[in-house]
C-alpha cells in the first residue's frame, strides 16, 4: 500500500496509525521527502516522532529541505514501526512525504526452510571456462 501526506504551515503534522487489535505486523517505509509547488526558499525540517525500545517517545529529524539547494531527499525505504507522526518542525512547506505500508500477516510470516537437502542433492555447476578470443 502506498502512503503519502503533505505537511504545510496549517497542517504541521500527520500521524500514521494501525488498528491495535490487528493480528498483523506493519512496516512503514519512507521513500522520499520533497518540497512541492508553492514552497518558499527556507529551511523545512521534517521530524519523525515514534517510540524507542523502552516505549519512550522520541523525535528525530529526517530531512532538512531548502528549495535552492536540496528540494528532495531520498530515504531509501527507511523502515519505521507504526504508530508514527510526521511533523514539520521548521518552515512552512508544503512538504510531501511518500512511502509504502506493508502488512505481514503473522500466519504468513512463519515458513520453514527445507534443511533436508544434502550435499549430494545439490546440483554441481560446470567449471568456468576462459572466454574465446
N, C-alpha and C. Protein backbone atom coordinates (compact mmCIF):
# COMPACT_ATOMS: atom_id res chain seq x y z
N UNK A 1 0.85 -1.18 0.00
CA UNK A 1 0.00 0.00 0.00
C UNK A 1 0.89 1.23 0.00
N UNK A 2 0.50 2.23 -0.76
CA UNK A 2 1.27 3.47 -0.82
C UNK A 2 0.81 4.42 0.26
N UNK A 3 1.75 5.20 0.78
CA UNK A 3 1.46 6.20 1.80
C UNK A 3 1.91 7.55 1.26
N UNK A 4 1.14 8.57 1.52
CA UNK A 4 1.53 9.91 1.15
C UNK A 4 0.83 10.91 2.03
N UNK A 5 1.53 11.95 2.42
CA UNK A 5 0.92 13.02 3.19
C UNK A 5 1.65 14.32 2.86
N UNK A 6 0.98 15.43 3.12
CA UNK A 6 1.59 16.72 2.86
C UNK A 6 1.55 17.54 4.14
N UNK A 7 2.71 18.09 4.50
CA UNK A 7 2.85 18.93 5.69
C UNK A 7 2.95 20.38 5.24
N UNK A 8 2.15 21.25 5.85
CA UNK A 8 2.13 22.66 5.48
C UNK A 8 2.13 23.52 6.74
N UNK A 9 2.09 24.84 6.53
CA UNK A 9 2.03 25.77 7.66
C UNK A 9 0.75 25.58 8.47
N UNK A 10 -0.34 25.17 7.82
CA UNK A 10 -1.60 24.96 8.54
C UNK A 10 -1.78 23.52 9.02
N UNK A 11 -1.20 22.56 8.33
CA UNK A 11 -1.25 21.14 8.74
C UNK A 11 0.18 20.70 9.00
N UNK A 12 0.64 20.94 10.23
CA UNK A 12 2.05 20.70 10.56
C UNK A 12 2.38 19.25 10.89
N UNK A 13 1.36 18.40 11.11
CA UNK A 13 1.67 17.02 11.47
C UNK A 13 0.66 16.05 10.87
N UNK A 14 1.11 14.81 10.73
CA UNK A 14 0.28 13.71 10.25
C UNK A 14 0.70 12.47 11.02
N UNK A 15 -0.28 11.75 11.57
CA UNK A 15 0.01 10.53 12.32
C UNK A 15 -0.49 9.32 11.55
N UNK A 16 0.40 8.35 11.38
CA UNK A 16 0.05 7.08 10.75
C UNK A 16 -0.12 6.05 11.85
N UNK A 17 -1.35 5.50 11.95
CA UNK A 17 -1.65 4.52 12.98
C UNK A 17 -2.24 3.27 12.34
N UNK A 18 -2.16 2.18 13.07
CA UNK A 18 -2.80 0.94 12.65
C UNK A 18 -3.70 0.47 13.78
N UNK A 19 -4.61 -0.41 13.48
CA UNK A 19 -5.52 -0.96 14.48
C UNK A 19 -4.72 -1.80 15.47
N UNK A 20 -4.80 -1.45 16.74
CA UNK A 20 -4.04 -2.16 17.78
C UNK A 20 -4.44 -3.63 17.89
N UNK A 21 -5.69 -3.96 17.56
CA UNK A 21 -6.16 -5.33 17.70
C UNK A 21 -5.90 -6.16 16.45
N UNK A 22 -5.31 -5.55 15.44
CA UNK A 22 -4.97 -6.25 14.21
C UNK A 22 -3.88 -7.28 14.51
N UNK A 23 -4.07 -8.50 14.03
CA UNK A 23 -3.11 -9.57 14.31
C UNK A 23 -2.06 -9.67 13.20
N UNK A 24 -1.56 -8.51 12.76
CA UNK A 24 -0.57 -8.46 11.69
C UNK A 24 0.59 -7.58 12.13
N UNK A 25 1.72 -7.76 11.46
CA UNK A 25 2.85 -6.87 11.67
C UNK A 25 2.82 -5.83 10.56
N UNK A 26 3.09 -4.58 10.93
CA UNK A 26 3.04 -3.47 9.98
C UNK A 26 4.41 -2.84 9.87
N UNK A 27 4.83 -2.55 8.65
CA UNK A 27 6.09 -1.88 8.38
C UNK A 27 5.78 -0.66 7.53
N UNK A 28 6.29 0.47 7.95
CA UNK A 28 6.15 1.70 7.19
C UNK A 28 7.53 2.08 6.70
N UNK A 29 7.69 2.21 5.40
CA UNK A 29 8.99 2.52 4.81
C UNK A 29 8.89 3.85 4.07
N UNK A 30 9.73 4.81 4.45
CA UNK A 30 9.74 6.11 3.80
C UNK A 30 10.64 6.08 2.58
N UNK A 31 10.12 6.56 1.45
CA UNK A 31 10.88 6.57 0.21
C UNK A 31 11.48 7.93 -0.08
N UNK A 32 10.65 8.98 0.01
CA UNK A 32 11.11 10.31 -0.39
C UNK A 32 10.39 11.38 0.42
N UNK A 33 11.10 12.47 0.66
CA UNK A 33 10.54 13.68 1.26
C UNK A 33 10.93 14.80 0.31
N UNK A 34 9.94 15.58 -0.14
CA UNK A 34 10.27 16.63 -1.11
C UNK A 34 9.38 17.86 -0.94
N UNK A 35 9.94 18.99 -1.32
CA UNK A 35 9.17 20.23 -1.36
C UNK A 35 8.27 20.19 -2.58
N UNK A 36 7.08 20.72 -2.45
CA UNK A 36 6.15 20.73 -3.58
C UNK A 36 5.85 22.16 -4.00
N UNK A 37 5.01 22.28 -5.00
CA UNK A 37 4.68 23.57 -5.60
C UNK A 37 4.21 24.57 -4.54
N UNK A 38 4.81 25.75 -4.56
CA UNK A 38 4.45 26.80 -3.61
C UNK A 38 5.41 26.93 -2.45
N UNK A 39 6.44 26.08 -2.39
CA UNK A 39 7.41 26.15 -1.29
C UNK A 39 8.28 27.39 -1.43
N UNK A 40 8.61 27.98 -0.29
CA UNK A 40 9.50 29.14 -0.25
C UNK A 40 10.93 28.64 -0.10
N UNK A 41 11.89 29.52 -0.37
CA UNK A 41 13.31 29.17 -0.21
C UNK A 41 13.70 29.37 1.25
N UNK A 42 13.26 28.45 2.10
CA UNK A 42 13.54 28.48 3.53
C UNK A 42 13.83 27.05 3.98
N UNK A 43 14.42 26.89 5.14
CA UNK A 43 14.68 25.55 5.67
C UNK A 43 13.38 24.94 6.16
N UNK A 44 13.10 23.75 5.69
CA UNK A 44 11.93 22.97 6.10
C UNK A 44 12.45 21.69 6.75
N UNK A 45 12.26 21.58 8.04
CA UNK A 45 12.75 20.42 8.79
C UNK A 45 11.57 19.50 9.09
N UNK A 46 11.71 18.23 8.67
CA UNK A 46 10.69 17.22 8.92
C UNK A 46 11.22 16.26 9.98
N UNK A 47 10.41 16.06 11.01
CA UNK A 47 10.76 15.13 12.10
C UNK A 47 9.84 13.92 12.05
N UNK A 48 10.37 12.80 12.52
CA UNK A 48 9.58 11.60 12.74
C UNK A 48 9.50 11.40 14.24
N UNK A 49 8.29 11.25 14.73
CA UNK A 49 8.09 11.03 16.16
C UNK A 49 7.57 9.61 16.34
N UNK A 50 8.30 8.84 17.10
CA UNK A 50 7.93 7.45 17.34
C UNK A 50 8.30 7.04 18.75
N UNK A 51 8.41 5.76 18.95
CA UNK A 51 8.76 5.22 20.27
C UNK A 51 10.01 4.36 20.14
N UNK A 52 10.90 4.48 21.14
CA UNK A 52 12.11 3.67 21.14
C UNK A 52 11.84 2.32 21.79
N UNK A 53 12.87 1.52 21.97
CA UNK A 53 12.72 0.17 22.53
C UNK A 53 12.24 0.17 23.98
N UNK A 54 12.35 1.31 24.67
CA UNK A 54 11.85 1.43 26.05
C UNK A 54 10.48 2.09 26.08
N UNK A 55 9.82 2.19 24.92
CA UNK A 55 8.50 2.76 24.75
C UNK A 55 8.44 4.25 25.12
N UNK A 56 9.56 4.95 25.01
CA UNK A 56 9.61 6.39 25.25
C UNK A 56 9.46 7.10 23.90
N UNK A 57 8.71 8.20 23.91
CA UNK A 57 8.52 8.97 22.67
C UNK A 57 9.81 9.71 22.34
N UNK A 58 10.22 9.61 21.08
CA UNK A 58 11.41 10.32 20.61
C UNK A 58 11.09 11.00 19.28
N UNK A 59 11.73 12.14 19.06
CA UNK A 59 11.59 12.88 17.80
C UNK A 59 12.95 12.94 17.14
N UNK A 60 12.98 12.55 15.87
CA UNK A 60 14.24 12.52 15.12
C UNK A 60 14.05 13.28 13.81
N UNK A 61 14.88 14.30 13.55
CA UNK A 61 14.78 14.96 12.25
C UNK A 61 15.28 14.04 11.15
N UNK A 62 14.51 13.90 10.07
CA UNK A 62 14.90 13.03 8.96
C UNK A 62 15.21 13.81 7.69
N UNK A 63 14.79 15.07 7.62
CA UNK A 63 15.05 15.85 6.40
C UNK A 63 15.12 17.34 6.74
N UNK A 64 16.06 18.02 6.08
CA UNK A 64 16.17 19.47 6.13
C UNK A 64 16.23 19.93 4.68
N UNK A 65 15.10 20.40 4.17
CA UNK A 65 14.97 20.73 2.75
C UNK A 65 14.94 22.23 2.54
N UNK A 66 15.59 22.66 1.46
CA UNK A 66 15.56 24.06 1.06
C UNK A 66 15.45 24.09 -0.46
N UNK A 67 14.56 24.90 -0.97
CA UNK A 67 14.26 24.92 -2.40
C UNK A 67 15.49 25.17 -3.25
N UNK A 68 16.40 26.05 -2.83
CA UNK A 68 17.55 26.41 -3.66
C UNK A 68 18.69 25.42 -3.60
N UNK A 69 18.74 24.55 -2.60
CA UNK A 69 19.90 23.64 -2.53
C UNK A 69 19.54 22.17 -2.37
N UNK A 70 18.46 21.83 -1.69
CA UNK A 70 18.07 20.43 -1.56
C UNK A 70 16.55 20.34 -1.44
N UNK A 71 15.88 20.33 -2.59
CA UNK A 71 14.41 20.28 -2.54
C UNK A 71 13.84 18.87 -2.35
N UNK A 72 14.70 17.85 -2.44
CA UNK A 72 14.24 16.47 -2.38
C UNK A 72 15.27 15.62 -1.65
N UNK A 73 14.79 14.65 -0.88
CA UNK A 73 15.68 13.73 -0.19
C UNK A 73 15.13 12.32 -0.31
N UNK A 74 15.95 11.42 -0.85
CA UNK A 74 15.57 10.01 -0.94
C UNK A 74 15.95 9.34 0.38
N UNK A 75 15.00 8.64 0.98
CA UNK A 75 15.24 7.98 2.27
C UNK A 75 15.46 6.48 2.13
N UNK A 76 15.50 5.99 0.90
CA UNK A 76 15.87 4.59 0.62
C UNK A 76 15.08 3.59 1.46
N UNK A 77 13.76 3.79 1.51
CA UNK A 77 12.86 2.89 2.25
C UNK A 77 13.24 2.74 3.72
N UNK A 78 13.41 3.87 4.37
CA UNK A 78 13.72 3.94 5.80
C UNK A 78 12.53 3.36 6.57
N UNK A 79 12.76 2.23 7.26
CA UNK A 79 11.67 1.48 7.88
C UNK A 79 11.35 1.97 9.29
N UNK A 80 10.04 2.07 9.56
CA UNK A 80 9.52 2.52 10.85
C UNK A 80 8.42 1.58 11.30
N UNK A 81 8.19 1.56 12.60
CA UNK A 81 7.13 0.76 13.19
C UNK A 81 6.00 1.70 13.62
N UNK A 82 4.78 1.56 13.07
CA UNK A 82 3.67 2.42 13.47
C UNK A 82 3.28 2.20 14.93
N UNK A 83 2.71 3.19 15.60
CA UNK A 83 2.29 4.49 15.11
C UNK A 83 3.47 5.46 14.99
N UNK A 84 3.41 6.31 13.97
CA UNK A 84 4.47 7.28 13.68
C UNK A 84 3.81 8.60 13.33
N UNK A 85 4.39 9.69 13.83
CA UNK A 85 3.91 11.02 13.47
C UNK A 85 4.99 11.74 12.69
N UNK A 86 4.60 12.38 11.59
CA UNK A 86 5.50 13.22 10.80
C UNK A 86 5.15 14.66 11.14
N UNK A 87 6.16 15.46 11.48
CA UNK A 87 5.89 16.84 11.88
C UNK A 87 6.82 17.79 11.15
N UNK A 88 6.26 18.88 10.69
CA UNK A 88 7.04 19.96 10.08
C UNK A 88 7.52 20.83 11.24
N UNK A 89 8.77 20.60 11.68
CA UNK A 89 9.31 21.27 12.85
C UNK A 89 9.77 22.69 12.55
N UNK A 90 10.13 22.97 11.30
CA UNK A 90 10.54 24.32 10.89
C UNK A 90 10.13 24.51 9.44
N UNK A 91 9.85 25.76 9.08
CA UNK A 91 9.45 26.07 7.72
C UNK A 91 7.95 26.02 7.54
N UNK A 92 7.52 26.40 6.33
CA UNK A 92 6.08 26.45 6.07
C UNK A 92 5.63 25.47 5.00
N UNK A 93 6.60 24.71 4.42
CA UNK A 93 6.25 23.71 3.42
C UNK A 93 5.76 24.35 2.14
N UNK A 94 4.96 23.68 1.39
CA UNK A 94 4.47 22.31 1.57
C UNK A 94 5.55 21.26 1.30
N UNK A 95 5.55 20.25 2.17
CA UNK A 95 6.48 19.13 2.07
C UNK A 95 5.65 17.86 1.89
N UNK A 96 6.00 17.08 0.89
CA UNK A 96 5.30 15.82 0.63
C UNK A 96 6.17 14.67 1.15
N UNK A 97 5.55 13.78 1.93
CA UNK A 97 6.22 12.59 2.45
C UNK A 97 5.58 11.39 1.75
N UNK A 98 6.42 10.54 1.15
CA UNK A 98 5.90 9.38 0.43
C UNK A 98 6.63 8.12 0.86
N UNK A 99 5.91 7.01 0.83
CA UNK A 99 6.50 5.73 1.19
C UNK A 99 5.50 4.62 0.94
N UNK A 100 5.72 3.51 1.60
CA UNK A 100 4.81 2.37 1.45
C UNK A 100 4.56 1.73 2.80
N UNK A 101 3.40 1.07 2.90
CA UNK A 101 2.96 0.38 4.11
C UNK A 101 2.80 -1.09 3.76
N UNK A 102 3.56 -1.92 4.44
CA UNK A 102 3.50 -3.36 4.19
C UNK A 102 2.84 -4.04 5.39
N UNK A 103 1.90 -4.91 5.10
CA UNK A 103 1.21 -5.67 6.14
C UNK A 103 1.63 -7.12 6.02
N UNK A 104 2.17 -7.67 7.09
CA UNK A 104 2.59 -9.07 7.10
C UNK A 104 1.70 -9.80 8.11
N UNK A 105 0.88 -10.70 7.60
CA UNK A 105 0.02 -11.49 8.48
C UNK A 105 0.88 -12.51 9.19
N UNK A 106 0.71 -12.64 10.47
CA UNK A 106 1.60 -13.48 11.27
C UNK A 106 1.60 -14.93 10.83
N UNK A 107 0.49 -15.46 10.37
CA UNK A 107 0.49 -16.86 9.93
C UNK A 107 1.26 -17.01 8.62
N UNK A 108 1.37 -15.93 7.80
CA UNK A 108 2.15 -15.98 6.57
C UNK A 108 3.64 -15.87 6.84
N UNK A 109 4.01 -15.26 7.97
CA UNK A 109 5.41 -15.00 8.25
C UNK A 109 6.16 -16.24 8.71
N UNK A 110 5.44 -17.29 9.08
CA UNK A 110 6.12 -18.49 9.58
C UNK A 110 6.23 -19.52 8.47
N UNK A 111 7.39 -19.56 7.88
CA UNK A 111 7.64 -20.60 6.89
C UNK A 111 8.89 -21.34 7.33
N UNK A 112 8.95 -22.60 6.94
CA UNK A 112 10.08 -23.41 7.35
C UNK A 112 10.98 -23.66 6.16
N UNK A 113 12.26 -23.52 6.41
CA UNK A 113 13.22 -23.83 5.35
C UNK A 113 13.40 -25.33 5.29
N UNK A 114 13.65 -25.83 4.09
CA UNK A 114 13.86 -27.25 3.90
C UNK A 114 15.35 -27.54 4.09
N UNK A 115 15.69 -27.95 5.32
CA UNK A 115 17.09 -28.24 5.63
C UNK A 115 17.46 -29.69 5.35
N UNK A 116 16.54 -30.44 4.72
CA UNK A 116 16.79 -31.84 4.48
C UNK A 116 17.65 -32.09 3.25
N UNK A 117 18.02 -31.05 2.54
CA UNK A 117 18.86 -31.24 1.35
C UNK A 117 20.28 -31.57 1.77
N UNK A 118 20.79 -32.61 1.22
CA UNK A 118 22.18 -32.96 1.50
C UNK A 118 23.04 -32.40 0.38
N UNK A 119 24.33 -32.50 0.56
CA UNK A 119 25.25 -32.01 -0.46
C UNK A 119 25.11 -32.81 -1.75
N UNK A 120 24.68 -34.06 -1.64
CA UNK A 120 24.52 -34.90 -2.82
C UNK A 120 23.36 -34.42 -3.69
N UNK A 121 22.32 -33.83 -3.06
CA UNK A 121 21.15 -33.37 -3.80
C UNK A 121 21.41 -32.06 -4.53
N UNK A 122 22.42 -31.33 -4.12
CA UNK A 122 22.70 -30.04 -4.75
C UNK A 122 23.31 -30.26 -6.12
N UNK A 123 22.87 -29.45 -7.08
CA UNK A 123 23.34 -29.57 -8.45
C UNK A 123 24.75 -28.99 -8.56
N UNK A 124 25.64 -29.75 -9.20
CA UNK A 124 27.00 -29.25 -9.39
C UNK A 124 27.05 -28.37 -10.62
N UNK A 125 27.74 -27.24 -10.51
CA UNK A 125 27.90 -26.33 -11.63
C UNK A 125 29.15 -26.68 -12.40
N UNK A 126 29.10 -26.56 -13.72
CA UNK A 126 30.28 -26.86 -14.52
C UNK A 126 31.36 -25.80 -14.24
N UNK A 127 32.64 -26.15 -14.41
CA UNK A 127 33.70 -25.19 -14.18
C UNK A 127 33.62 -24.04 -15.18
N UNK A 128 34.07 -22.87 -14.76
CA UNK A 128 34.06 -21.71 -15.64
C UNK A 128 35.25 -21.80 -16.58
N UNK A 129 34.96 -21.67 -17.87
CA UNK A 129 35.99 -21.76 -18.90
C UNK A 129 36.37 -20.36 -19.34
N UNK A 130 37.64 -20.16 -19.73
CA UNK A 130 38.02 -18.83 -20.20
C UNK A 130 37.33 -18.49 -21.51
N UNK A 131 37.10 -17.19 -21.73
CA UNK A 131 36.43 -16.74 -22.94
C UNK A 131 37.32 -16.93 -24.15
N UNK A 132 36.70 -17.21 -25.30
CA UNK A 132 37.47 -17.36 -26.54
C UNK A 132 37.80 -15.98 -27.08
N UNK A 133 38.99 -15.85 -27.65
CA UNK A 133 39.41 -14.56 -28.17
C UNK A 133 39.02 -14.41 -29.62
